[in-house]
Amino acid sequence: MSPKTGARKRTAVLISGRGSNLAALVSASRDSDFPAEIVLVISNVEQAAGIGVAREAGIPVRIIPHGAYPSREAFDAAIDAALEDEKISLVCEAGFMRIHSSEFVRKWEGRILNIHPALLPDFKGLNVHRRVLESGVTTTGCTVHFVVAELDSGPIIAQARVPVEPRDTKASLAARVLEAEHRLYPEALRMVALGDVRLENGEAVWRQRTRES
C-alpha cells in the first residue's frame, strides 16, 4: 500500500554520533512510496558526524546540547518544543545517547522508536558487543522497539539475527550488526508509519491485513 499524497508521516531523528542509521533512514525515505519523511534531525552533540549527513541531505538540523539545561526534564522540554515546532508525528532515536524523562516518554508513547545492537531482552545497556563475545552466544543481532521509561525495555517491533563467528572481535561483530541495523530500521519505521504495528496497553499490536490493503 502506497501512502496517499501528502500523507507521509513527518519524522524526526535524534542522534549523538556518526549518523549511519540516520543515513539508512534518509535513503529509504527518498522513495516517494515510503510512508515516512525525515524532516528534522536533532543532535545533543554539536560536533556529531551525523549532522553532516543531515545537512548533505538537505534536512534541517537543531543542535540541543544537554549540558545547557539544568535537568533531564528541561532538556527534554527543549526537544519536545522542537518536535512540536515541526509538527512531528514519529521520532526515531539513532545512536542518541541520552535517557529521557518519564514525562517526555509518556507524551510520545507509541510514536518514538529506538534501535539497539542486540536481540532484546538480552544485553540491554552499553558495551553490548564485548558482553556478547564474553558470553559465548553464537547468535546476536539488533532490535527496533518502542521507547518506554525503562531503558531498552519497550515492546519489540522487529529484530534481525546475526551469527557470531569464532574469530569475531568487537569491531568485526559490530560492523556486521550495523549492516543488519541499516536494513532493519527503515523496515520497522515503515511498519509503524503505515499503522501495521502500534503500541497498545503496553504491548506491540500488529494489524491484520486484508488482501486488498
N, C-alpha and C. Protein backbone atom coordinates (compact mmCIF):
# COMPACT_ATOMS: atom_id res chain seq x y z
N MET A 1 0.85 -1.19 0.00
CA MET A 1 0.00 0.00 0.00
C MET A 1 0.88 1.24 0.00
N SER A 2 0.71 2.14 -0.94
CA SER A 2 1.48 3.37 -1.00
C SER A 2 0.75 4.45 -0.22
N PRO A 3 1.49 5.32 0.47
CA PRO A 3 0.83 6.40 1.20
C PRO A 3 0.20 7.38 0.23
N LYS A 4 -0.92 7.95 0.62
CA LYS A 4 -1.55 8.95 -0.21
C LYS A 4 -0.67 10.20 -0.26
N THR A 5 -0.81 10.98 -1.32
CA THR A 5 -0.02 12.19 -1.46
C THR A 5 -0.20 13.09 -0.24
N GLY A 6 0.92 13.50 0.33
CA GLY A 6 0.88 14.38 1.50
C GLY A 6 0.63 13.67 2.80
N ALA A 7 0.49 12.35 2.78
CA ALA A 7 0.16 11.62 3.99
C ALA A 7 1.37 10.99 4.66
N ARG A 8 2.54 11.23 4.12
CA ARG A 8 3.73 10.65 4.74
C ARG A 8 3.94 11.23 6.14
N LYS A 9 4.32 10.38 7.08
CA LYS A 9 4.48 10.80 8.47
C LYS A 9 5.74 11.66 8.62
N ARG A 10 5.56 12.84 9.17
CA ARG A 10 6.69 13.72 9.43
C ARG A 10 7.51 13.14 10.58
N THR A 11 8.76 12.84 10.29
CA THR A 11 9.59 12.07 11.22
C THR A 11 10.86 12.84 11.56
N ALA A 12 11.21 12.82 12.85
CA ALA A 12 12.46 13.38 13.32
C ALA A 12 13.39 12.27 13.76
N VAL A 13 14.69 12.48 13.59
CA VAL A 13 15.70 11.51 14.04
C VAL A 13 16.59 12.20 15.06
N LEU A 14 16.77 11.54 16.21
CA LEU A 14 17.62 12.04 17.28
C LEU A 14 18.95 11.31 17.24
N ILE A 15 20.06 12.06 17.22
CA ILE A 15 21.38 11.45 17.10
C ILE A 15 22.33 12.04 18.13
N SER A 16 23.42 11.29 18.36
CA SER A 16 24.53 11.82 19.16
C SER A 16 25.88 11.58 18.48
N GLY A 17 25.89 10.76 17.41
CA GLY A 17 27.16 10.35 16.84
C GLY A 17 27.22 10.39 15.33
N ARG A 18 27.71 9.29 14.73
CA ARG A 18 28.10 9.29 13.32
C ARG A 18 26.94 9.34 12.35
N GLY A 19 25.77 8.88 12.77
CA GLY A 19 24.59 9.02 11.93
C GLY A 19 24.45 7.98 10.83
N SER A 20 25.00 6.79 11.01
CA SER A 20 24.89 5.78 9.96
C SER A 20 23.47 5.25 9.83
N ASN A 21 22.77 5.08 10.94
CA ASN A 21 21.36 4.68 10.85
C ASN A 21 20.51 5.82 10.32
N LEU A 22 20.87 7.05 10.65
CA LEU A 22 20.20 8.20 10.05
C LEU A 22 20.31 8.13 8.54
N ALA A 23 21.51 7.85 8.03
CA ALA A 23 21.71 7.77 6.58
C ALA A 23 20.84 6.68 5.96
N ALA A 24 20.69 5.55 6.65
CA ALA A 24 19.85 4.47 6.14
C ALA A 24 18.38 4.89 6.10
N LEU A 25 17.93 5.60 7.11
CA LEU A 25 16.55 6.07 7.14
C LEU A 25 16.30 7.12 6.07
N VAL A 26 17.25 8.03 5.90
CA VAL A 26 17.11 9.06 4.87
C VAL A 26 17.06 8.42 3.49
N SER A 27 17.93 7.43 3.25
CA SER A 27 17.95 6.75 1.95
C SER A 27 16.61 6.09 1.66
N ALA A 28 16.05 5.41 2.66
CA ALA A 28 14.75 4.76 2.46
C ALA A 28 13.65 5.77 2.20
N SER A 29 13.72 6.91 2.89
CA SER A 29 12.64 7.90 2.79
C SER A 29 12.66 8.66 1.48
N ARG A 30 13.74 8.52 0.70
CA ARG A 30 13.79 9.19 -0.60
C ARG A 30 12.81 8.57 -1.59
N ASP A 31 12.39 7.34 -1.33
CA ASP A 31 11.38 6.68 -2.15
C ASP A 31 10.03 7.33 -1.84
N SER A 32 9.36 7.83 -2.85
CA SER A 32 8.09 8.53 -2.64
C SER A 32 7.02 7.61 -2.07
N ASP A 33 7.19 6.30 -2.21
CA ASP A 33 6.23 5.35 -1.64
C ASP A 33 6.51 5.03 -0.17
N PHE A 34 7.65 5.50 0.34
CA PHE A 34 7.96 5.24 1.75
C PHE A 34 7.03 6.10 2.59
N PRO A 35 6.39 5.53 3.62
CA PRO A 35 5.32 6.24 4.34
C PRO A 35 5.79 7.25 5.38
N ALA A 36 7.10 7.45 5.51
CA ALA A 36 7.62 8.43 6.46
C ALA A 36 8.63 9.32 5.74
N GLU A 37 8.67 10.59 6.14
CA GLU A 37 9.60 11.56 5.57
C GLU A 37 10.45 12.15 6.69
N ILE A 38 11.77 12.07 6.55
CA ILE A 38 12.66 12.64 7.56
C ILE A 38 12.73 14.14 7.34
N VAL A 39 12.17 14.90 8.27
CA VAL A 39 12.09 16.36 8.09
C VAL A 39 12.89 17.13 9.14
N LEU A 40 13.45 16.44 10.11
CA LEU A 40 14.20 17.11 11.17
C LEU A 40 15.19 16.14 11.80
N VAL A 41 16.40 16.66 12.06
CA VAL A 41 17.40 15.91 12.82
C VAL A 41 17.77 16.75 14.03
N ILE A 42 17.77 16.13 15.20
CA ILE A 42 18.16 16.80 16.44
C ILE A 42 19.39 16.08 16.98
N SER A 43 20.42 16.86 17.30
CA SER A 43 21.63 16.30 17.92
C SER A 43 21.89 17.00 19.24
N ASN A 44 22.27 16.22 20.23
CA ASN A 44 22.67 16.81 21.52
C ASN A 44 24.18 17.05 21.57
N VAL A 45 24.88 16.68 20.49
CA VAL A 45 26.33 16.85 20.40
C VAL A 45 26.64 17.76 19.22
N GLU A 46 27.26 18.88 19.48
CA GLU A 46 27.46 19.89 18.45
C GLU A 46 28.35 19.40 17.31
N GLN A 47 29.31 18.52 17.61
CA GLN A 47 30.24 18.06 16.59
C GLN A 47 29.90 16.67 16.07
N ALA A 48 28.71 16.18 16.30
CA ALA A 48 28.33 14.84 15.84
C ALA A 48 28.45 14.74 14.32
N ALA A 49 29.08 13.66 13.85
CA ALA A 49 29.27 13.49 12.41
C ALA A 49 27.94 13.39 11.67
N GLY A 50 26.92 12.90 12.35
CA GLY A 50 25.62 12.74 11.71
C GLY A 50 25.00 14.06 11.28
N ILE A 51 25.43 15.16 11.87
CA ILE A 51 24.93 16.48 11.45
C ILE A 51 25.27 16.72 9.99
N GLY A 52 26.47 16.30 9.59
CA GLY A 52 26.87 16.44 8.20
C GLY A 52 26.03 15.58 7.27
N VAL A 53 25.65 14.39 7.75
CA VAL A 53 24.77 13.52 6.96
C VAL A 53 23.45 14.22 6.69
N ALA A 54 22.89 14.83 7.73
CA ALA A 54 21.61 15.52 7.60
C ALA A 54 21.72 16.72 6.66
N ARG A 55 22.74 17.52 6.85
CA ARG A 55 22.88 18.73 6.03
C ARG A 55 23.13 18.39 4.57
N GLU A 56 23.89 17.33 4.33
CA GLU A 56 24.13 16.91 2.94
C GLU A 56 22.83 16.49 2.27
N ALA A 57 21.92 15.93 3.07
CA ALA A 57 20.62 15.50 2.54
C ALA A 57 19.61 16.64 2.50
N GLY A 58 20.00 17.83 2.97
CA GLY A 58 19.09 18.97 2.96
C GLY A 58 18.05 18.94 4.05
N ILE A 59 18.34 18.23 5.15
CA ILE A 59 17.38 18.11 6.25
C ILE A 59 17.74 19.11 7.34
N PRO A 60 16.77 19.89 7.81
CA PRO A 60 17.04 20.85 8.89
C PRO A 60 17.59 20.17 10.14
N VAL A 61 18.55 20.83 10.78
CA VAL A 61 19.20 20.30 11.99
C VAL A 61 19.01 21.28 13.13
N ARG A 62 18.68 20.73 14.30
CA ARG A 62 18.68 21.54 15.51
C ARG A 62 19.66 20.90 16.50
N ILE A 63 20.58 21.70 16.98
CA ILE A 63 21.53 21.23 17.98
C ILE A 63 21.04 21.68 19.35
N ILE A 64 20.76 20.69 20.20
CA ILE A 64 20.24 20.97 21.54
C ILE A 64 21.16 20.28 22.54
N PRO A 65 22.22 20.96 22.98
CA PRO A 65 23.20 20.33 23.87
C PRO A 65 22.62 20.09 25.26
N HIS A 66 22.71 18.85 25.72
CA HIS A 66 22.08 18.53 27.01
C HIS A 66 22.74 19.28 28.16
N GLY A 67 24.03 19.62 28.00
CA GLY A 67 24.73 20.33 29.07
C GLY A 67 24.24 21.75 29.30
N ALA A 68 23.46 22.26 28.37
CA ALA A 68 22.95 23.64 28.51
C ALA A 68 21.69 23.71 29.37
N TYR A 69 21.23 22.55 29.85
CA TYR A 69 19.96 22.52 30.60
C TYR A 69 20.20 21.98 32.00
N PRO A 70 19.47 22.51 32.99
CA PRO A 70 19.73 22.16 34.38
C PRO A 70 19.23 20.77 34.78
N SER A 71 18.38 20.18 33.95
CA SER A 71 17.82 18.89 34.32
C SER A 71 17.43 18.12 33.07
N ARG A 72 17.22 16.83 33.25
CA ARG A 72 16.75 15.99 32.15
C ARG A 72 15.40 16.47 31.63
N GLU A 73 14.56 16.89 32.56
CA GLU A 73 13.23 17.36 32.17
C GLU A 73 13.31 18.62 31.31
N ALA A 74 14.21 19.54 31.67
CA ALA A 74 14.35 20.77 30.90
C ALA A 74 14.92 20.48 29.51
N PHE A 75 15.88 19.57 29.44
CA PHE A 75 16.45 19.16 28.15
C PHE A 75 15.37 18.54 27.26
N ASP A 76 14.59 17.64 27.82
CA ASP A 76 13.52 17.00 27.05
C ASP A 76 12.45 18.01 26.63
N ALA A 77 12.20 19.01 27.46
CA ALA A 77 11.23 20.04 27.09
C ALA A 77 11.70 20.80 25.86
N ALA A 78 13.00 21.03 25.75
CA ALA A 78 13.55 21.71 24.57
C ALA A 78 13.40 20.84 23.33
N ILE A 79 13.66 19.54 23.48
CA ILE A 79 13.47 18.62 22.35
C ILE A 79 12.00 18.59 21.96
N ASP A 80 11.12 18.49 22.94
CA ASP A 80 9.68 18.44 22.66
C ASP A 80 9.22 19.69 21.92
N ALA A 81 9.73 20.84 22.31
CA ALA A 81 9.35 22.09 21.64
C ALA A 81 9.79 22.08 20.18
N ALA A 82 10.99 21.55 19.91
CA ALA A 82 11.47 21.46 18.53
C ALA A 82 10.60 20.51 17.72
N LEU A 83 10.21 19.40 18.31
CA LEU A 83 9.35 18.43 17.62
C LEU A 83 7.98 19.04 17.33
N GLU A 84 7.45 19.77 18.28
CA GLU A 84 6.15 20.41 18.07
C GLU A 84 6.23 21.49 17.01
N ASP A 85 7.33 22.24 17.00
CA ASP A 85 7.51 23.30 16.00
C ASP A 85 7.42 22.75 14.59
N GLU A 86 7.95 21.55 14.40
CA GLU A 86 8.00 20.94 13.07
C GLU A 86 6.83 19.97 12.82
N LYS A 87 5.87 19.96 13.74
CA LYS A 87 4.68 19.10 13.60
C LYS A 87 5.08 17.64 13.33
N ILE A 88 5.96 17.15 14.18
CA ILE A 88 6.48 15.79 14.03
C ILE A 88 5.44 14.77 14.50
N SER A 89 5.32 13.70 13.72
CA SER A 89 4.42 12.60 14.07
C SER A 89 5.18 11.42 14.70
N LEU A 90 6.39 11.13 14.19
CA LEU A 90 7.17 9.99 14.67
C LEU A 90 8.59 10.43 14.96
N VAL A 91 9.21 9.77 15.95
CA VAL A 91 10.58 10.05 16.32
C VAL A 91 11.38 8.76 16.29
N CYS A 92 12.55 8.81 15.63
CA CYS A 92 13.47 7.67 15.62
C CYS A 92 14.76 8.06 16.34
N GLU A 93 15.11 7.30 17.35
CA GLU A 93 16.40 7.51 18.00
C GLU A 93 17.42 6.64 17.30
N ALA A 94 18.53 7.25 16.90
CA ALA A 94 19.56 6.53 16.16
C ALA A 94 20.92 6.87 16.76
N GLY A 95 21.32 6.08 17.76
CA GLY A 95 22.55 6.39 18.47
C GLY A 95 22.44 7.63 19.32
N PHE A 96 21.26 7.86 19.87
CA PHE A 96 21.01 9.01 20.75
C PHE A 96 21.34 8.58 22.17
N MET A 97 22.40 9.15 22.74
CA MET A 97 22.96 8.63 23.99
C MET A 97 22.47 9.38 25.22
N ARG A 98 21.16 9.58 25.28
CA ARG A 98 20.56 10.20 26.46
C ARG A 98 19.33 9.41 26.86
N ILE A 99 19.06 9.39 28.16
CA ILE A 99 17.85 8.74 28.68
C ILE A 99 16.80 9.82 28.91
N HIS A 100 15.59 9.56 28.44
CA HIS A 100 14.53 10.56 28.53
C HIS A 100 13.84 10.56 29.89
N SER A 101 13.23 11.68 30.19
CA SER A 101 12.39 11.79 31.37
C SER A 101 11.09 11.02 31.14
N SER A 102 10.46 10.60 32.23
CA SER A 102 9.22 9.83 32.11
C SER A 102 8.11 10.65 31.46
N GLU A 103 8.10 11.96 31.72
CA GLU A 103 7.08 12.82 31.13
C GLU A 103 7.19 12.86 29.60
N PHE A 104 8.42 12.98 29.11
CA PHE A 104 8.63 13.01 27.66
C PHE A 104 8.21 11.68 27.04
N VAL A 105 8.61 10.59 27.65
CA VAL A 105 8.26 9.27 27.11
C VAL A 105 6.75 9.06 27.10
N ARG A 106 6.09 9.53 28.15
CA ARG A 106 4.64 9.40 28.22
C ARG A 106 3.97 10.16 27.08
N LYS A 107 4.43 11.38 26.83
CA LYS A 107 3.82 12.19 25.79
C LYS A 107 3.97 11.55 24.41
N TRP A 108 5.15 10.97 24.15
CA TRP A 108 5.44 10.43 22.82
C TRP A 108 5.22 8.92 22.75
N GLU A 109 4.56 8.37 23.73
CA GLU A 109 4.34 6.93 23.78
C GLU A 109 3.71 6.41 22.48
N GLY A 110 4.31 5.39 21.93
CA GLY A 110 3.80 4.79 20.70
C GLY A 110 4.26 5.49 19.44
N ARG A 111 4.97 6.61 19.62
CA ARG A 111 5.42 7.38 18.46
C ARG A 111 6.94 7.57 18.44
N ILE A 112 7.64 6.93 19.37
CA ILE A 112 9.09 7.07 19.43
C ILE A 112 9.74 5.69 19.42
N LEU A 113 10.69 5.50 18.50
CA LEU A 113 11.34 4.22 18.28
C LEU A 113 12.83 4.33 18.60
N ASN A 114 13.43 3.19 18.92
CA ASN A 114 14.87 3.13 19.15
C ASN A 114 15.41 1.84 18.56
N ILE A 115 16.69 1.86 18.17
CA ILE A 115 17.34 0.64 17.70
C ILE A 115 18.47 0.30 18.66
N HIS A 116 18.57 -0.99 18.98
CA HIS A 116 19.57 -1.48 19.95
C HIS A 116 20.37 -2.60 19.30
N PRO A 117 21.70 -2.63 19.47
CA PRO A 117 22.54 -3.60 18.76
C PRO A 117 22.63 -4.97 19.43
N ALA A 118 21.49 -5.52 19.80
CA ALA A 118 21.43 -6.87 20.37
C ALA A 118 20.00 -7.37 20.24
N LEU A 119 19.82 -8.65 20.52
CA LEU A 119 18.49 -9.24 20.49
C LEU A 119 17.86 -9.08 21.87
N LEU A 120 17.17 -7.96 22.07
CA LEU A 120 16.49 -7.74 23.34
C LEU A 120 15.48 -8.86 23.59
N PRO A 121 15.25 -9.24 24.84
CA PRO A 121 15.65 -8.53 26.07
C PRO A 121 17.08 -8.82 26.55
N ASP A 122 17.87 -9.58 25.78
CA ASP A 122 19.25 -9.85 26.20
C ASP A 122 20.15 -8.65 25.90
N PHE A 123 21.14 -8.46 26.73
CA PHE A 123 22.20 -7.47 26.51
C PHE A 123 21.68 -6.04 26.38
N LYS A 124 20.87 -5.65 27.35
CA LYS A 124 20.46 -4.26 27.43
C LYS A 124 21.67 -3.40 27.83
N GLY A 125 21.56 -2.11 27.56
CA GLY A 125 22.59 -1.19 28.03
C GLY A 125 23.76 -1.04 27.08
N LEU A 126 24.94 -0.73 27.65
CA LEU A 126 26.13 -0.38 26.87
C LEU A 126 27.10 -1.55 26.77
N ASN A 127 28.18 -1.34 26.00
CA ASN A 127 29.24 -2.34 25.81
C ASN A 127 28.68 -3.68 25.34
N VAL A 128 27.73 -3.59 24.43
CA VAL A 128 26.97 -4.78 24.04
C VAL A 128 27.85 -5.83 23.39
N HIS A 129 28.66 -5.44 22.40
CA HIS A 129 29.40 -6.44 21.62
C HIS A 129 30.46 -7.14 22.48
N ARG A 130 31.09 -6.42 23.37
CA ARG A 130 32.03 -7.07 24.29
C ARG A 130 31.32 -8.10 25.15
N ARG A 131 30.17 -7.74 25.66
CA ARG A 131 29.43 -8.65 26.53
C ARG A 131 28.93 -9.86 25.75
N VAL A 132 28.52 -9.64 24.49
CA VAL A 132 28.09 -10.76 23.65
C VAL A 132 29.23 -11.75 23.46
N LEU A 133 30.42 -11.25 23.12
CA LEU A 133 31.56 -12.13 22.89
C LEU A 133 31.97 -12.86 24.16
N GLU A 134 31.93 -12.17 25.28
CA GLU A 134 32.30 -12.79 26.56
C GLU A 134 31.30 -13.87 26.97
N SER A 135 30.06 -13.73 26.53
CA SER A 135 29.02 -14.68 26.95
C SER A 135 29.12 -16.01 26.24
N GLY A 136 29.72 -16.03 25.06
CA GLY A 136 29.83 -17.27 24.30
C GLY A 136 28.61 -17.61 23.45
N VAL A 137 27.64 -16.71 23.33
CA VAL A 137 26.48 -16.99 22.50
C VAL A 137 26.91 -17.05 21.04
N THR A 138 26.17 -17.79 20.23
CA THR A 138 26.52 -17.96 18.82
C THR A 138 25.68 -17.10 17.89
N THR A 139 24.68 -16.42 18.44
CA THR A 139 23.82 -15.55 17.63
C THR A 139 23.55 -14.26 18.39
N THR A 140 23.67 -13.15 17.68
CA THR A 140 23.28 -11.85 18.23
C THR A 140 22.41 -11.17 17.18
N GLY A 141 22.37 -9.85 17.18
CA GLY A 141 21.54 -9.18 16.19
C GLY A 141 21.21 -7.77 16.62
N CYS A 142 20.04 -7.30 16.21
CA CYS A 142 19.60 -5.95 16.56
C CYS A 142 18.08 -5.95 16.70
N THR A 143 17.60 -4.94 17.40
CA THR A 143 16.19 -4.84 17.75
C THR A 143 15.71 -3.40 17.59
N VAL A 144 14.57 -3.22 16.94
CA VAL A 144 13.87 -1.94 16.96
C VAL A 144 12.68 -2.08 17.90
N HIS A 145 12.54 -1.14 18.82
CA HIS A 145 11.47 -1.25 19.81
C HIS A 145 10.87 0.12 20.08
N PHE A 146 9.66 0.12 20.61
CA PHE A 146 9.06 1.35 21.11
C PHE A 146 9.80 1.77 22.38
N VAL A 147 10.00 3.08 22.54
CA VAL A 147 10.68 3.59 23.73
C VAL A 147 9.69 3.70 24.88
N VAL A 148 10.09 3.15 26.02
CA VAL A 148 9.32 3.30 27.26
C VAL A 148 10.26 3.84 28.32
N ALA A 149 9.74 4.07 29.51
CA ALA A 149 10.54 4.70 30.56
C ALA A 149 11.75 3.86 30.95
N GLU A 150 11.61 2.54 31.00
CA GLU A 150 12.72 1.67 31.37
C GLU A 150 13.64 1.45 30.18
N LEU A 151 14.94 1.59 30.38
CA LEU A 151 15.93 1.53 29.31
C LEU A 151 15.87 0.20 28.55
N ASP A 152 15.80 0.28 27.22
CA ASP A 152 15.87 -0.88 26.33
C ASP A 152 14.83 -1.95 26.67
N SER A 153 13.67 -1.53 27.14
CA SER A 153 12.65 -2.47 27.59
C SER A 153 11.32 -2.34 26.88
N GLY A 154 11.23 -1.49 25.86
CA GLY A 154 9.97 -1.28 25.18
C GLY A 154 9.58 -2.46 24.31
N PRO A 155 8.29 -2.58 24.00
CA PRO A 155 7.79 -3.67 23.15
C PRO A 155 8.55 -3.71 21.82
N ILE A 156 8.88 -4.91 21.40
CA ILE A 156 9.70 -5.12 20.20
C ILE A 156 8.86 -4.98 18.94
N ILE A 157 9.39 -4.23 17.98
CA ILE A 157 8.75 -4.05 16.68
C ILE A 157 9.34 -5.02 15.67
N ALA A 158 10.67 -5.14 15.64
CA ALA A 158 11.32 -6.02 14.67
C ALA A 158 12.72 -6.37 15.16
N GLN A 159 13.21 -7.55 14.74
CA GLN A 159 14.56 -7.98 15.08
C GLN A 159 15.22 -8.61 13.86
N ALA A 160 16.54 -8.56 13.84
CA ALA A 160 17.32 -9.25 12.81
C ALA A 160 18.45 -10.00 13.51
N ARG A 161 18.69 -11.24 13.08
CA ARG A 161 19.71 -12.08 13.69
C ARG A 161 21.02 -12.01 12.91
N VAL A 162 22.12 -12.05 13.66
CA VAL A 162 23.46 -12.01 13.08
C VAL A 162 24.29 -13.09 13.77
N PRO A 163 24.93 -13.98 13.00
CA PRO A 163 25.75 -15.01 13.65
C PRO A 163 27.01 -14.43 14.27
N VAL A 164 27.42 -15.00 15.38
CA VAL A 164 28.70 -14.66 15.99
C VAL A 164 29.73 -15.66 15.50
N GLU A 165 30.75 -15.16 14.80
CA GLU A 165 31.77 -16.03 14.22
C GLU A 165 32.88 -16.29 15.25
N PRO A 166 33.52 -17.49 15.15
CA PRO A 166 34.55 -17.84 16.15
C PRO A 166 35.69 -16.83 16.25
N ARG A 167 36.05 -16.19 15.16
CA ARG A 167 37.17 -15.25 15.18
C ARG A 167 36.72 -13.79 15.33
N ASP A 168 35.49 -13.56 15.67
CA ASP A 168 34.99 -12.20 15.78
C ASP A 168 35.72 -11.41 16.86
N THR A 169 35.96 -10.15 16.55
CA THR A 169 36.37 -9.15 17.52
C THR A 169 35.17 -8.24 17.75
N LYS A 170 35.29 -7.33 18.71
CA LYS A 170 34.21 -6.37 18.91
C LYS A 170 33.96 -5.57 17.64
N ALA A 171 35.04 -5.21 16.96
CA ALA A 171 34.89 -4.38 15.75
C ALA A 171 34.23 -5.15 14.61
N SER A 172 34.65 -6.39 14.39
CA SER A 172 34.07 -7.15 13.27
C SER A 172 32.61 -7.48 13.53
N LEU A 173 32.29 -7.82 14.77
CA LEU A 173 30.91 -8.13 15.11
C LEU A 173 30.04 -6.87 15.01
N ALA A 174 30.55 -5.77 15.51
CA ALA A 174 29.80 -4.51 15.45
C ALA A 174 29.50 -4.12 14.01
N ALA A 175 30.46 -4.34 13.12
CA ALA A 175 30.27 -3.96 11.71
C ALA A 175 29.15 -4.78 11.07
N ARG A 176 29.09 -6.09 11.36
CA ARG A 176 28.04 -6.92 10.77
C ARG A 176 26.67 -6.61 11.37
N VAL A 177 26.65 -6.34 12.67
CA VAL A 177 25.38 -5.96 13.30
C VAL A 177 24.89 -4.63 12.73
N LEU A 178 25.80 -3.71 12.50
CA LEU A 178 25.42 -2.41 11.96
C LEU A 178 24.80 -2.55 10.57
N GLU A 179 25.34 -3.44 9.74
CA GLU A 179 24.75 -3.70 8.43
C GLU A 179 23.30 -4.16 8.57
N ALA A 180 23.07 -5.03 9.55
CA ALA A 180 21.70 -5.51 9.80
C ALA A 180 20.81 -4.37 10.29
N GLU A 181 21.35 -3.49 11.13
CA GLU A 181 20.58 -2.34 11.61
C GLU A 181 20.10 -1.49 10.44
N HIS A 182 20.98 -1.27 9.48
CA HIS A 182 20.65 -0.40 8.34
C HIS A 182 19.52 -0.97 7.49
N ARG A 183 19.37 -2.28 7.50
CA ARG A 183 18.25 -2.90 6.79
C ARG A 183 16.99 -2.90 7.64
N LEU A 184 17.15 -3.14 8.94
CA LEU A 184 16.01 -3.35 9.82
C LEU A 184 15.28 -2.06 10.17
N TYR A 185 16.02 -0.99 10.45
CA TYR A 185 15.38 0.22 10.96
C TYR A 185 14.40 0.83 9.96
N PRO A 186 14.78 0.98 8.68
CA PRO A 186 13.79 1.51 7.74
C PRO A 186 12.54 0.65 7.63
N GLU A 187 12.70 -0.66 7.71
CA GLU A 187 11.53 -1.54 7.61
C GLU A 187 10.64 -1.38 8.84
N ALA A 188 11.24 -1.25 10.00
CA ALA A 188 10.46 -1.05 11.22
C ALA A 188 9.72 0.28 11.17
N LEU A 189 10.40 1.33 10.73
CA LEU A 189 9.75 2.63 10.59
C LEU A 189 8.60 2.55 9.60
N ARG A 190 8.80 1.84 8.52
CA ARG A 190 7.73 1.66 7.54
C ARG A 190 6.49 1.04 8.18
N MET A 191 6.69 0.00 8.97
CA MET A 191 5.55 -0.69 9.59
C MET A 191 4.80 0.22 10.55
N VAL A 192 5.54 1.01 11.34
CA VAL A 192 4.88 1.91 12.29
C VAL A 192 4.16 3.04 11.56
N ALA A 193 4.81 3.60 10.54
CA ALA A 193 4.21 4.70 9.79
C ALA A 193 2.94 4.28 9.07
N LEU A 194 2.90 3.04 8.61
CA LEU A 194 1.71 2.53 7.93
C LEU A 194 0.62 2.10 8.91
N GLY A 195 0.96 2.00 10.19
CA GLY A 195 -0.01 1.53 11.16
C GLY A 195 -0.09 0.02 11.23
N ASP A 196 0.90 -0.67 10.64
CA ASP A 196 0.91 -2.13 10.71
C ASP A 196 1.21 -2.64 12.10
N VAL A 197 1.91 -1.83 12.89
CA VAL A 197 2.19 -2.16 14.28
C VAL A 197 2.03 -0.89 15.10
N ARG A 198 1.45 -1.04 16.28
CA ARG A 198 1.25 0.11 17.16
C ARG A 198 1.43 -0.33 18.61
N LEU A 199 1.60 0.64 19.47
CA LEU A 199 1.72 0.36 20.90
C LEU A 199 0.35 0.51 21.52
N GLU A 200 -0.11 -0.54 22.19
CA GLU A 200 -1.44 -0.52 22.80
C GLU A 200 -1.40 -1.27 24.12
N ASN A 201 -1.75 -0.56 25.20
CA ASN A 201 -1.76 -1.16 26.54
C ASN A 201 -0.41 -1.80 26.88
N GLY A 202 0.66 -1.11 26.47
CA GLY A 202 1.99 -1.58 26.80
C GLY A 202 2.52 -2.71 25.95
N GLU A 203 1.82 -3.05 24.88
CA GLU A 203 2.25 -4.15 24.01
C GLU A 203 2.26 -3.71 22.54
N ALA A 204 3.11 -4.34 21.76
CA ALA A 204 3.12 -4.11 20.32
C ALA A 204 2.01 -4.95 19.69
N VAL A 205 1.13 -4.29 18.96
CA VAL A 205 -0.02 -4.97 18.36
C VAL A 205 0.06 -4.80 16.85
N TRP A 206 -0.06 -5.93 16.15
CA TRP A 206 0.03 -5.91 14.69
C TRP A 206 -1.34 -5.93 14.05
N ARG A 207 -1.48 -5.16 12.99
CA ARG A 207 -2.74 -5.11 12.25
C ARG A 207 -2.81 -6.31 11.31
N GLN A 208 -4.00 -6.90 11.27
CA GLN A 208 -4.24 -8.00 10.32
C GLN A 208 -4.61 -7.39 8.98
N ARG A 209 -3.77 -7.60 7.99
CA ARG A 209 -4.00 -7.02 6.67
C ARG A 209 -4.98 -7.87 5.85
N THR A 210 -5.82 -7.17 5.11
CA THR A 210 -6.66 -7.86 4.14
C THR A 210 -5.89 -8.01 2.84
N ARG A 211 -6.39 -8.78 1.93
CA ARG A 211 -5.69 -9.00 0.66
C ARG A 211 -5.59 -7.69 -0.14
N GLU A 212 -6.56 -6.78 0.05
CA GLU A 212 -6.59 -5.55 -0.73
C GLU A 212 -5.69 -4.46 -0.12
N SER A 213 -5.34 -4.58 1.17
CA SER A 213 -4.63 -3.48 1.84
C SER A 213 -3.14 -3.53 1.55
